[in-house]
Amino acid sequence: MAFFRIFKKSFEELKSIRCLTVTALLIGVSIALKFVMIMPTETLKISFAFVGLASIGMLYGPVVAGIAGTITDLLGFLVKPTGAFSPIFTLVEVTGAVIFGIFLYGLNPVKLDFSSKSAFLSGLKTNGVQVFRIFMAKFTVNLVCNVFMNTVAMVIMGYFAPEVFWVKIAARIVKNAVMLPIEVFILLLVLYPVMVAYRAAFREKRSA
């Protein structure tokens, strides 16, 4: 699928009542997941907020995911405001959603096999292309949005001085590098059942 065709096809998804209904449901899930967090340590926080937008990106592509990201950020702020509202942070969320759509649209997600270590690793190897797409989606979101865009936004909003920009960048790189395999594993766990439920609900098969 050519790059620009992804956006065109995703835009056409908006004509479907099914798309609007499922997207609205997943937006609700995304907002709810913003308030679900696991903290193994005082500095390490595992959030599941990205799962809903990643699912929308997989099902309906970057245009729908970007719109969903806008709505999710605005509604999430209205439900539970955290600091001053800024469209800069909305842009960060939208960018992440679009990235998920670019990498995951039309994905045939991997079914993990936990029967044995060898079966698990063999399954990942057999489905290497799908695993790579999921990895690259989260890697790109972490690098572009979490590391750079969020840091720039924090400077613009005055949360810390420009002089410490690169210090903050370095800290965020380390944090996101630690979180990346965990977040990729979460997507591997979640995207397959999401697609199974979607196909069961609409009796539809989608190709990778």
Protein backbone atom coordinates (compact mmCIF):
# COMPACT_ATOMS: atom_id res chain seq x y z
CA MET A 1 0.00 0.00 0.00
CA ALA A 2 1.59 3.26 -1.17
CA PHE A 3 2.15 5.87 1.53
CA PHE A 4 -0.37 8.44 0.30
CA ARG A 5 -2.94 5.76 -0.51
CA ILE A 6 -2.95 4.88 3.19
CA PHE A 7 -4.26 8.36 4.00
CA LYS A 8 -6.79 8.30 1.16
CA LYS A 9 -8.14 4.90 2.14
CA SER A 10 -8.24 5.91 5.81
CA PHE A 11 -10.19 9.07 4.93
CA GLU A 12 -12.71 6.97 3.04
CA GLU A 13 -13.24 4.87 6.18
CA LEU A 14 -15.01 7.90 7.70
CA LYS A 15 -17.96 7.28 5.38
CA SER A 16 -18.70 4.05 7.24
CA ILE A 17 -21.11 3.99 10.20
CA ARG A 18 -19.18 0.95 11.40
CA CYS A 19 -15.96 2.97 11.49
CA LEU A 20 -17.59 5.81 13.42
CA THR A 21 -19.21 3.43 15.91
CA VAL A 22 -16.11 1.34 16.59
CA THR A 23 -13.92 4.43 16.76
CA ALA A 24 -16.25 6.07 19.28
CA LEU A 25 -16.10 2.92 21.40
CA LEU A 26 -12.30 2.80 21.26
CA ILE A 27 -12.08 6.52 22.07
CA GLY A 28 -13.99 5.73 25.26
CA VAL A 29 -11.55 2.91 25.98
CA SER A 30 -8.60 5.25 25.33
CA ILE A 31 -9.92 7.85 27.76
CA ALA A 32 -10.56 5.21 30.43
CA LEU A 33 -7.06 3.77 29.98
CA LYS A 34 -5.53 7.20 30.59
CA PHE A 35 -6.36 6.63 34.25
CA VAL A 36 -4.97 3.07 34.41
CA MET A 37 -1.32 2.98 35.38
CA ILE A 38 1.08 0.49 36.97
CA MET A 39 4.10 1.80 38.88
CA PRO A 40 6.70 -0.95 39.46
CA THR A 41 9.03 1.73 40.86
CA GLU A 42 8.66 5.37 41.89
CA THR A 43 10.10 6.56 38.57
CA LEU A 44 8.77 3.88 36.19
CA LYS A 45 5.15 4.17 35.11
CA ILE A 46 3.50 1.68 32.77
CA SER A 47 0.53 3.27 31.00
CA PHE A 48 -1.97 1.58 28.70
CA ALA A 49 -3.33 4.80 27.21
CA PHE A 50 -1.76 4.15 23.78
CA VAL A 51 -3.60 0.84 23.24
CA GLY A 52 -6.92 2.36 22.14
CA LEU A 53 -5.39 4.71 19.56
CA ALA A 54 -3.11 1.94 18.28
CA SER A 55 -6.20 -0.24 17.78
CA ILE A 56 -7.96 2.54 15.86
CA GLY A 57 -4.85 3.01 13.73
CA MET A 58 -4.76 -0.71 12.96
CA LEU A 59 -8.43 -0.88 12.02
CA TYR A 60 -8.98 2.44 10.23
CA GLY A 61 -5.65 4.08 9.47
CA PRO A 62 -3.91 7.39 10.17
CA VAL A 63 -6.69 9.87 9.30
CA VAL A 64 -9.26 8.26 11.58
CA ALA A 65 -6.65 7.69 14.28
CA GLY A 66 -5.55 11.33 14.10
CA ILE A 67 -9.13 12.56 14.55
CA ALA A 68 -9.58 10.09 17.40
CA GLY A 69 -6.37 11.37 19.00
CA THR A 70 -7.73 14.92 18.95
CA ILE A 71 -11.01 13.88 20.56
CA THR A 72 -9.29 11.64 23.10
CA ASP A 73 -6.97 14.41 24.24
CA LEU A 74 -9.73 17.02 24.54
CA LEU A 75 -12.19 14.74 26.33
CA GLY A 76 -9.44 13.34 28.54
CA PHE A 77 -8.55 16.85 29.66
CA LEU A 78 -12.20 17.68 30.36
CA VAL A 79 -12.66 14.50 32.39
CA LYS A 80 -9.48 14.93 34.40
CA PRO A 81 -7.55 18.19 33.85
CA THR A 82 -3.83 17.95 34.55
CA GLY A 83 -2.25 21.39 34.48
CA ALA A 84 -3.04 24.04 31.89
CA PHE A 85 -4.53 22.98 28.57
CA SER A 86 -2.29 23.44 25.55
CA PRO A 87 -2.96 22.54 21.90
CA ILE A 88 0.73 21.63 21.72
CA PHE A 89 0.08 18.51 23.80
CA THR A 90 -2.96 17.76 21.64
CA LEU A 91 -0.66 17.89 18.61
CA VAL A 92 1.65 15.39 20.32
CA GLU A 93 -1.25 12.98 20.87
CA VAL A 94 -2.50 13.40 17.31
CA THR A 95 0.97 12.79 15.90
CA GLY A 96 1.30 9.58 17.88
CA ALA A 97 -2.10 8.37 16.69
CA VAL A 98 -1.22 9.13 13.05
CA ILE A 99 2.07 7.24 13.40
CA PHE A 100 0.19 4.21 14.72
CA GLY A 101 -2.13 4.43 11.72
CA ILE A 102 0.74 4.65 9.24
CA PHE A 103 2.52 1.57 10.60
CA LEU A 104 -0.42 -0.59 11.70
CA TYR A 105 -3.21 0.03 9.17
CA GLY A 106 -4.27 -3.32 7.70
CA LEU A 107 -2.03 -5.26 10.08
CA ASN A 108 -2.78 -8.94 10.60
CA PRO A 109 -1.72 -9.08 14.27
CA VAL A 110 0.27 -11.90 15.82
CA LYS A 111 -1.29 -14.59 18.00
CA LEU A 112 1.19 -15.26 20.77
CA ASP A 113 1.82 -18.88 21.74
CA PHE A 114 2.69 -19.24 25.42
CA SER A 115 2.72 -23.04 25.45
CA SER A 116 6.52 -23.04 25.56
CA LYS A 117 9.45 -20.69 25.15
CA SER A 118 10.39 -22.23 21.81
CA ALA A 119 6.81 -21.93 20.52
CA PHE A 120 6.66 -18.30 21.61
CA LEU A 121 9.93 -17.39 19.90
CA SER A 122 9.04 -19.42 16.82
CA GLY A 123 5.75 -17.57 16.53
CA LEU A 124 7.51 -14.21 16.70
CA LYS A 125 10.00 -15.33 14.05
CA THR A 126 7.29 -16.69 11.75
CA ASN A 127 5.36 -13.43 12.03
CA GLY A 128 8.46 -11.26 11.83
CA VAL A 129 6.96 -8.66 9.48
CA GLN A 130 3.97 -8.03 11.73
CA VAL A 131 6.16 -7.91 14.84
CA PHE A 132 8.51 -5.47 13.12
CA ARG A 133 5.62 -3.17 12.17
CA ILE A 134 4.39 -3.12 15.76
CA PHE A 135 7.91 -2.49 17.05
CA MET A 136 8.53 0.33 14.58
CA ALA A 137 5.18 1.94 15.37
CA LYS A 138 5.90 2.15 19.09
CA PHE A 139 9.58 3.00 18.56
CA THR A 140 8.64 5.92 16.30
CA VAL A 141 5.95 7.18 18.69
CA ASN A 142 8.38 7.02 21.59
CA LEU A 143 11.15 8.81 19.71
CA VAL A 144 9.11 11.48 17.90
CA CYS A 145 6.36 12.14 20.44
CA ASN A 146 7.57 11.08 23.87
CA VAL A 147 11.20 12.14 23.57
CA PHE A 148 11.27 15.15 21.24
CA MET A 149 7.80 16.66 20.89
CA ASN A 150 6.90 16.32 24.57
CA THR A 151 10.21 17.83 25.62
CA VAL A 152 9.79 20.77 23.24
CA ALA A 153 6.23 21.25 24.51
CA MET A 154 7.44 21.30 28.11
CA VAL A 155 9.98 24.01 27.26
CA ILE A 156 7.38 26.09 25.39
CA MET A 157 4.97 25.78 28.31
CA GLY A 158 7.70 26.87 30.71
CA TYR A 159 7.86 23.71 32.78
CA PHE A 160 11.64 23.82 32.59
CA ALA A 161 14.32 26.09 31.14
CA PRO A 162 15.67 25.70 27.59
CA GLU A 163 19.17 25.29 29.06
CA VAL A 164 18.27 21.82 30.37
CA PHE A 165 16.62 20.71 27.10
CA TRP A 166 19.27 18.15 26.16
CA VAL A 167 19.47 16.86 29.71
CA LYS A 168 15.74 16.19 29.62
CA ILE A 169 16.06 14.63 26.15
CA ALA A 170 18.73 12.23 27.44
CA ALA A 171 16.59 11.27 30.43
CA ARG A 172 13.55 10.66 28.23
CA ILE A 173 15.60 8.54 25.81
CA VAL A 174 16.65 6.27 28.65
CA LYS A 175 13.14 6.03 30.07
CA ASN A 176 11.52 5.29 26.70
CA ALA A 177 14.21 2.76 25.80
CA VAL A 178 13.39 0.88 29.00
CA MET A 179 9.65 1.09 28.34
CA LEU A 180 9.80 0.14 24.63
CA PRO A 181 9.95 -3.69 24.96
CA ILE A 182 7.20 -3.62 27.60
CA GLU A 183 4.95 -1.46 25.43
CA VAL A 184 5.61 -3.57 22.32
CA PHE A 185 4.69 -6.68 24.30
CA ILE A 186 1.47 -4.99 25.47
CA LEU A 187 0.56 -4.25 21.83
CA LEU A 188 1.36 -7.84 20.84
CA LEU A 189 -0.97 -9.03 23.60
CA VAL A 190 -3.83 -6.64 22.83
CA LEU A 191 -4.00 -6.13 19.06
CA TYR A 192 -4.72 -9.77 18.22
CA PRO A 193 -7.83 -10.09 20.45
CA VAL A 194 -9.00 -6.67 19.25
CA MET A 195 -8.88 -7.89 15.65
CA VAL A 196 -10.49 -11.22 16.55
CA ALA A 197 -13.35 -9.41 18.30
CA TYR A 198 -13.70 -7.01 15.35
CA ARG A 199 -13.86 -9.83 12.82
CA ALA A 200 -16.30 -11.80 14.97
CA ALA A 201 -18.57 -8.79 15.37
CA PHE A 202 -18.64 -7.98 11.67
CA ARG A 203 -17.74 -11.40 10.23
CA GLU A 204 -15.01 -9.85 8.19
CA LYS A 205 -11.51 -10.90 7.23
CA ARG A 206 -8.82 -8.32 6.63
CA SER A 207 -5.54 -8.97 4.89
CA ALA A 208 -2.15 -7.82 6.11
